[in-house]
Amino acid sequence: IYVPGGKAAYPSSVLMNAVPAKVAGVAENIMVVPTPGGVKNQLVLAAAALAGVDRVFAIGGAQAVAALAFGTQTVPQVDKIVGPGNAYVASAKRRVFGTVGIDMIAGPSEILIICDGKTPADWIAMDLFSQAEHDEMAQSILLCPDAAYITEVEHAIARLLPDMPRADVIRTSLCERGALIHVASLQQACEIANDIAAEHLEISCENAVELAQQIRHAGAIFLGRFSSEALGDYCAGPNHVLPTSRTARFSSPLGVYDFQKRSSMIQVSQAGAQTLGQVASVLAHGEGLQAHARSAELRLDPSS
């Protein structure tokens, strides 16, 4: 389990990665986490203890991923690496995939909000901040058919931002990767949302459940005005390790199933081999694989 810790401490990420692994029956959970300045975050360690993590190593970055993938004198080699990290961690996970399994290639955080213009503007501004404060590369977008409301949100951002402890990070993120977009309709907003395939999608509308039926691609969908993305990050229930960078088009949130695998089991009776063997023989000869054909044919009863 890789737990990020370069810019902030994330005990919630410990829980989101370790709990499903434990539920799935993983025999040994190994965790790595960076400790800037040599300071071990007590909340992160407490979360690891509560979630049943077996061993913790105070290392981070690409080198931590390499240590887990290949093993060292002190860090055991693992079978799968999960958990988000910065661009170096993501690149390292991409490189070691095949030697070990991975959950996904996690990019910068994303939030996309579809709003009908009736949610308090301060709420929406703060929801945009909630992802922008993660990283300068985070993406925060609002889609709304009400131009006057977009102006309200813009004013709320300007008023609230100076008081935020991570104001510089939020400002850079919003300036470089943020957008307030006036759409023709909520229907068009849903179409755009499917194209963006965001990590977090808030539908802050009166008819949120109905609109959600039009969404095909999103990591997590938050329905209604009171379903803030922040609740999903910590305690709403579903996992907060989610597909980013449009990968929600073909992948899903982290879950128990990511720590499970299955094997095919085949047992053929003597009678069954007579039927299947003839089918296999025809196909194998058609592919020019004579050993395959003979393997099946040798089990055929010559008297039948």
Protein backbone atom coordinates (compact mmCIF):
# COMPACT_ATOMS: atom_id res chain seq x y z
CA ILE A 1 0.00 0.00 0.00
CA TYR A 2 1.43 3.36 -1.03
CA VAL A 3 0.20 6.26 1.12
CA PRO A 4 1.11 9.76 -0.11
CA GLY A 5 2.60 12.18 2.37
CA GLY A 6 4.80 14.72 0.63
CA LYS A 7 2.46 17.74 0.81
CA ALA A 8 -0.05 16.54 3.42
CA ALA A 9 -0.75 13.55 5.66
CA TYR A 10 -3.55 11.20 4.56
CA PRO A 11 -4.77 8.78 7.24
CA SER A 12 -7.93 8.44 5.16
CA SER A 13 -5.88 6.93 2.32
CA VAL A 14 -4.54 4.33 4.73
CA LEU A 15 -8.09 3.25 5.55
CA MET A 16 -9.32 3.35 1.95
CA ASN A 17 -6.52 1.03 0.81
CA ALA A 18 -6.00 -1.22 3.81
CA VAL A 19 -9.60 -1.97 4.79
CA PRO A 20 -10.68 -3.57 1.48
CA ALA A 21 -7.42 -5.55 1.42
CA LYS A 22 -8.17 -6.86 4.90
CA VAL A 23 -11.77 -7.69 4.01
CA ALA A 24 -10.55 -9.57 0.92
CA GLY A 25 -8.32 -11.73 3.11
CA VAL A 26 -4.87 -10.46 2.10
CA ALA A 27 -2.45 -12.36 4.33
CA GLU A 28 0.09 -9.56 4.82
CA ASN A 29 -0.37 -5.84 4.24
CA ILE A 30 2.81 -3.82 3.72
CA MET A 31 2.60 -0.03 3.76
CA VAL A 32 5.07 2.62 2.63
CA VAL A 33 4.68 6.31 3.42
CA PRO A 34 7.06 9.26 3.03
CA THR A 35 8.02 11.12 6.20
CA PRO A 36 9.19 14.63 5.22
CA GLY A 37 11.79 15.87 7.66
CA GLY A 38 11.77 12.49 9.35
CA VAL A 39 8.45 13.26 11.06
CA LYS A 40 6.17 10.23 11.36
CA ASN A 41 2.54 11.35 11.30
CA GLN A 42 0.71 9.87 14.27
CA LEU A 43 -2.71 9.85 12.58
CA VAL A 44 -1.32 7.88 9.64
CA LEU A 45 0.27 5.33 11.96
CA ALA A 46 -2.90 5.09 14.06
CA ALA A 47 -4.97 4.46 10.93
CA ALA A 48 -2.51 1.74 9.87
CA ALA A 49 -2.84 0.04 13.25
CA LEU A 50 -6.65 0.21 13.19
CA ALA A 51 -6.83 -1.11 9.62
CA GLY A 52 -4.60 -4.09 10.37
CA VAL A 53 -1.50 -3.09 8.41
CA ASP A 54 1.27 -5.56 9.28
CA ARG A 55 4.43 -3.57 8.49
CA VAL A 56 5.14 0.09 7.73
CA PHE A 57 8.24 1.46 6.00
CA ALA A 58 9.06 5.18 6.12
CA ILE A 59 9.94 5.58 2.45
CA GLY A 60 8.17 7.30 -0.42
CA GLY A 61 8.43 8.25 -4.06
CA ALA A 62 9.44 6.11 -7.02
CA GLN A 63 12.07 4.35 -4.91
CA ALA A 64 9.37 3.07 -2.54
CA VAL A 65 7.45 1.60 -5.47
CA ALA A 66 10.64 -0.06 -6.74
CA ALA A 67 11.38 -1.49 -3.29
CA LEU A 68 7.91 -3.04 -3.09
CA ALA A 69 8.05 -4.39 -6.64
CA PHE A 70 11.51 -5.97 -6.50
CA GLY A 71 12.22 -6.29 -2.79
CA THR A 72 15.29 -5.18 -0.85
CA GLN A 73 17.22 -6.51 2.12
CA THR A 74 14.58 -4.97 4.40
CA VAL A 75 11.46 -4.41 2.27
CA PRO A 76 9.72 -7.62 1.12
CA GLN A 77 8.64 -8.03 -2.48
CA VAL A 78 4.86 -7.78 -2.81
CA ASP A 79 2.34 -9.09 -5.33
CA LYS A 80 0.32 -5.90 -5.85
CA ILE A 81 0.80 -2.18 -5.23
CA VAL A 82 -2.19 0.09 -4.63
CA GLY A 83 -2.64 3.69 -3.59
CA PRO A 84 -2.28 7.15 -5.12
CA GLY A 85 0.84 9.29 -5.32
CA ASN A 86 2.49 12.08 -7.28
CA ALA A 87 3.60 11.92 -10.92
CA TYR A 88 6.80 10.06 -10.00
CA VAL A 89 4.88 7.42 -8.07
CA ALA A 90 2.39 7.03 -10.93
CA SER A 91 5.21 6.64 -13.46
CA ALA A 92 6.97 4.10 -11.25
CA LYS A 93 3.79 2.05 -10.91
CA ARG A 94 3.44 2.06 -14.68
CA ARG A 95 7.03 0.81 -15.04
CA VAL A 96 6.70 -2.08 -12.56
CA PHE A 97 3.32 -3.29 -13.82
CA GLY A 98 3.82 -6.85 -14.97
CA THR A 99 6.37 -7.56 -12.27
CA VAL A 100 3.59 -6.80 -9.79
CA GLY A 101 -0.06 -5.92 -10.14
CA ILE A 102 -1.27 -2.36 -9.64
CA ASP A 103 -4.67 -0.81 -9.00
CA MET A 104 -4.48 2.07 -11.48
CA ILE A 105 -2.31 4.95 -12.70
CA ALA A 106 -3.62 7.78 -10.55
CA GLY A 107 -3.32 11.31 -11.90
CA PRO A 108 -4.02 14.65 -10.20
CA SER A 109 -7.31 15.02 -8.31
CA GLU A 110 -10.42 16.09 -10.23
CA ILE A 111 -13.87 17.42 -9.43
CA LEU A 112 -16.63 18.23 -11.90
CA ILE A 113 -19.79 19.88 -10.60
CA ILE A 114 -23.08 20.05 -12.47
CA CYS A 115 -25.26 22.66 -10.77
CA ASP A 116 -28.69 24.04 -11.63
CA GLY A 117 -27.87 27.39 -10.04
CA LYS A 118 -29.87 26.89 -6.84
CA THR A 119 -27.15 25.64 -4.47
CA PRO A 120 -25.55 28.33 -2.27
CA ALA A 121 -22.61 29.71 -4.24
CA ASP A 122 -20.29 29.43 -1.24
CA TRP A 123 -20.93 25.68 -1.10
CA ILE A 124 -19.93 25.21 -4.72
CA ALA A 125 -16.87 27.44 -4.38
CA MET A 126 -15.67 25.42 -1.40
CA ASP A 127 -16.34 22.15 -3.22
CA LEU A 128 -14.10 23.37 -6.03
CA PHE A 129 -11.47 24.33 -3.43
CA SER A 130 -11.67 20.86 -1.88
CA GLN A 131 -9.91 19.32 -4.85
CA ALA A 132 -7.85 22.33 -5.89
CA GLU A 133 -6.09 22.35 -2.50
CA HIS A 134 -4.63 18.88 -3.15
CA ASP A 135 -2.22 19.93 -5.85
CA GLU A 136 -1.45 22.69 -8.34
CA MET A 137 -2.31 20.20 -11.10
CA ALA A 138 -5.75 19.35 -9.67
CA GLN A 139 -8.72 19.99 -11.95
CA SER A 140 -11.89 21.75 -10.71
CA ILE A 141 -14.74 22.49 -13.13
CA LEU A 142 -18.28 23.83 -12.76
CA LEU A 143 -20.95 23.32 -15.43
CA CYS A 144 -24.10 25.42 -15.05
CA PRO A 145 -26.84 26.73 -17.39
CA ASP A 146 -27.31 29.89 -15.29
CA ALA A 147 -24.80 32.60 -16.27
CA ALA A 148 -25.73 34.85 -13.33
CA TYR A 149 -25.07 32.00 -10.91
CA ILE A 150 -21.63 31.39 -12.40
CA THR A 151 -20.85 35.04 -11.63
CA GLU A 152 -22.01 34.45 -8.03
CA VAL A 153 -19.64 31.49 -7.72
CA GLU A 154 -16.81 33.56 -9.19
CA HIS A 155 -17.41 36.24 -6.55
CA ALA A 156 -17.58 33.58 -3.81
CA ILE A 157 -14.22 32.19 -4.92
CA ALA A 158 -12.63 35.64 -4.79
CA ARG A 159 -14.08 36.31 -1.33
CA LEU A 160 -13.32 32.94 0.28
CA LEU A 161 -9.91 32.18 -1.21
CA PRO A 162 -7.76 34.61 0.83
CA ASP A 163 -8.77 32.90 4.09
CA MET A 164 -7.78 29.41 2.96
CA PRO A 165 -4.55 28.03 4.51
CA ARG A 166 -3.58 26.49 1.16
CA ALA A 167 -4.65 29.54 -0.84
CA ASP A 168 -1.55 29.57 -3.06
CA VAL A 169 -2.07 25.96 -4.15
CA ILE A 170 -5.79 26.53 -4.73
CA ARG A 171 -5.18 29.72 -6.70
CA THR A 172 -2.62 28.09 -8.99
CA SER A 173 -4.84 25.06 -9.54
CA LEU A 174 -7.93 27.13 -10.37
CA CYS A 175 -6.01 29.49 -12.66
CA GLU A 176 -4.28 26.73 -14.61
CA ARG A 177 -6.72 23.81 -14.43
CA GLY A 178 -10.05 25.25 -13.29
CA ALA A 179 -13.07 26.38 -15.29
CA LEU A 180 -16.55 27.83 -14.77
CA ILE A 181 -18.50 26.85 -17.88
CA HIS A 182 -21.88 28.18 -19.00
CA VAL A 183 -23.76 25.34 -20.70
CA ALA A 184 -26.95 25.48 -22.74
CA SER A 185 -28.76 22.96 -20.52
CA LEU A 186 -28.30 20.33 -17.84
CA GLN A 187 -28.58 17.76 -20.63
CA GLN A 188 -25.53 19.28 -22.31
CA ALA A 189 -23.76 19.31 -18.94
CA CYS A 190 -24.27 15.54 -18.68
CA GLU A 191 -22.89 15.05 -22.18
CA ILE A 192 -19.78 17.05 -21.29
CA ALA A 193 -19.45 15.14 -18.01
CA ASN A 194 -19.37 11.84 -19.89
CA ASP A 195 -16.61 13.15 -22.11
CA ILE A 196 -14.53 14.42 -19.17
CA ALA A 197 -15.12 11.21 -17.14
CA ALA A 198 -14.07 12.94 -13.93
CA GLU A 199 -12.78 11.32 -10.77
CA HIS A 200 -15.48 13.05 -8.68
CA LEU A 201 -18.79 14.22 -10.14
CA GLU A 202 -21.20 16.27 -8.04
CA ILE A 203 -24.73 16.67 -9.40
CA SER A 204 -25.93 19.56 -7.26
CA CYS A 205 -29.41 19.78 -8.75
CA GLU A 206 -33.05 19.34 -7.81
CA ASN A 207 -33.38 16.26 -10.04
CA ALA A 208 -29.94 14.77 -9.33
CA VAL A 209 -31.07 11.13 -9.35
CA GLU A 210 -32.78 11.58 -12.71
CA LEU A 211 -29.74 13.29 -14.22
CA ALA A 212 -27.46 10.55 -12.91
CA GLN A 213 -29.19 8.13 -15.28
CA GLN A 214 -27.49 10.00 -18.12
CA ILE A 215 -24.00 9.60 -16.64
CA ARG A 216 -21.93 6.74 -18.03
CA HIS A 217 -18.42 7.76 -17.00
CA ALA A 218 -17.38 9.00 -13.54
CA GLY A 219 -15.31 7.64 -10.69
CA ALA A 220 -17.78 8.58 -7.95
CA ILE A 221 -21.10 10.40 -8.32
CA PHE A 222 -22.44 12.62 -5.53
CA LEU A 223 -26.18 13.17 -5.75
CA GLY A 224 -27.90 16.27 -4.40
CA ARG A 225 -26.89 19.51 -2.74
CA PHE A 226 -25.84 17.96 0.58
CA SER A 227 -23.62 15.25 -0.95
CA SER A 228 -20.31 17.07 -0.88
CA GLU A 229 -17.26 15.37 -2.33
CA ALA A 230 -15.46 15.84 1.00
CA LEU A 231 -17.82 13.34 2.63
CA GLY A 232 -16.80 10.77 0.04
CA ASP A 233 -13.14 11.41 0.80
CA TYR A 234 -13.58 10.45 4.43
CA CYS A 235 -16.69 8.67 5.59
CA ALA A 236 -19.61 8.34 3.14
CA GLY A 237 -18.81 4.67 2.50
CA PRO A 238 -17.44 4.09 -1.02
CA ASN A 239 -13.69 4.15 -1.61
CA HIS A 240 -11.95 7.43 -2.39
CA VAL A 241 -9.26 5.78 -4.55
CA LEU A 242 -10.84 6.53 -7.92
CA PRO A 243 -9.94 6.51 -11.62
CA THR A 244 -8.61 9.84 -12.92
CA SER A 245 -7.51 11.34 -16.25
CA ARG A 246 -10.59 9.99 -18.10
CA THR A 247 -9.83 6.39 -17.09
CA ALA A 248 -13.32 6.20 -15.55
CA ARG A 249 -14.34 5.30 -19.11
CA PHE A 250 -12.96 1.81 -18.52
CA SER A 251 -12.08 1.39 -14.84
CA SER A 252 -13.73 1.49 -11.43
CA PRO A 253 -13.08 2.64 -7.85
CA LEU A 254 -10.77 0.57 -5.66
CA GLY A 255 -12.63 -2.16 -3.80
CA VAL A 256 -12.43 -5.60 -2.24
CA TYR A 257 -12.45 -7.12 -5.74
CA ASP A 258 -9.08 -5.49 -6.48
CA PHE A 259 -7.50 -7.76 -3.86
CA GLN A 260 -9.07 -10.93 -5.19
CA LYS A 261 -8.35 -13.08 -8.22
CA ARG A 262 -9.85 -16.22 -9.66
CA SER A 263 -8.67 -19.37 -11.42
CA SER A 264 -10.51 -21.42 -14.01
CA MET A 265 -11.08 -25.05 -13.00
CA ILE A 266 -11.66 -27.76 -15.61
CA GLN A 267 -12.49 -31.40 -14.92
CA VAL A 268 -13.52 -33.55 -17.88
CA SER A 269 -14.91 -37.06 -17.57
CA GLN A 270 -13.98 -39.90 -19.92
CA ALA A 271 -17.32 -39.53 -21.66
CA GLY A 272 -16.90 -35.77 -21.92
CA ALA A 273 -13.45 -36.16 -23.43
CA GLN A 274 -14.99 -38.11 -26.34
CA THR A 275 -17.12 -35.13 -27.33
CA LEU A 276 -14.76 -32.29 -26.47
CA GLY A 277 -11.74 -34.12 -27.88
CA GLN A 278 -13.24 -34.24 -31.35
CA VAL A 279 -14.07 -30.54 -31.24
CA ALA A 280 -10.58 -29.67 -30.00
CA SER A 281 -8.99 -31.87 -32.67
CA VAL A 282 -10.79 -30.10 -35.52
CA LEU A 283 -9.89 -26.63 -34.19
CA ALA A 284 -6.27 -27.58 -33.46
CA HIS A 285 -5.73 -29.00 -36.95
CA GLY A 286 -7.30 -25.84 -38.36
CA GLU A 287 -4.72 -23.78 -36.48
CA GLY A 288 -1.87 -26.03 -37.52
CA LEU A 289 -1.12 -27.13 -33.94
CA GLN A 290 -0.70 -30.88 -34.31
CA ALA A 291 0.48 -31.53 -30.75
CA HIS A 292 -2.70 -29.93 -29.45
CA ALA A 293 -4.75 -32.13 -31.74
CA ARG A 294 -2.89 -35.32 -30.81
CA SER A 295 -3.19 -34.50 -27.08
CA ALA A 296 -6.97 -34.48 -27.44
CA GLU A 297 -7.11 -37.43 -29.87
CA LEU A 298 -5.09 -39.76 -27.65
CA ARG A 299 -7.90 -39.63 -25.10
CA LEU A 300 -10.55 -40.66 -27.62
CA ASP A 301 -11.90 -44.19 -27.32
CA PRO A 302 -10.96 -45.93 -30.60
CA SER A 303 -13.92 -48.29 -30.25
CA SER A 304 -16.48 -45.48 -30.20
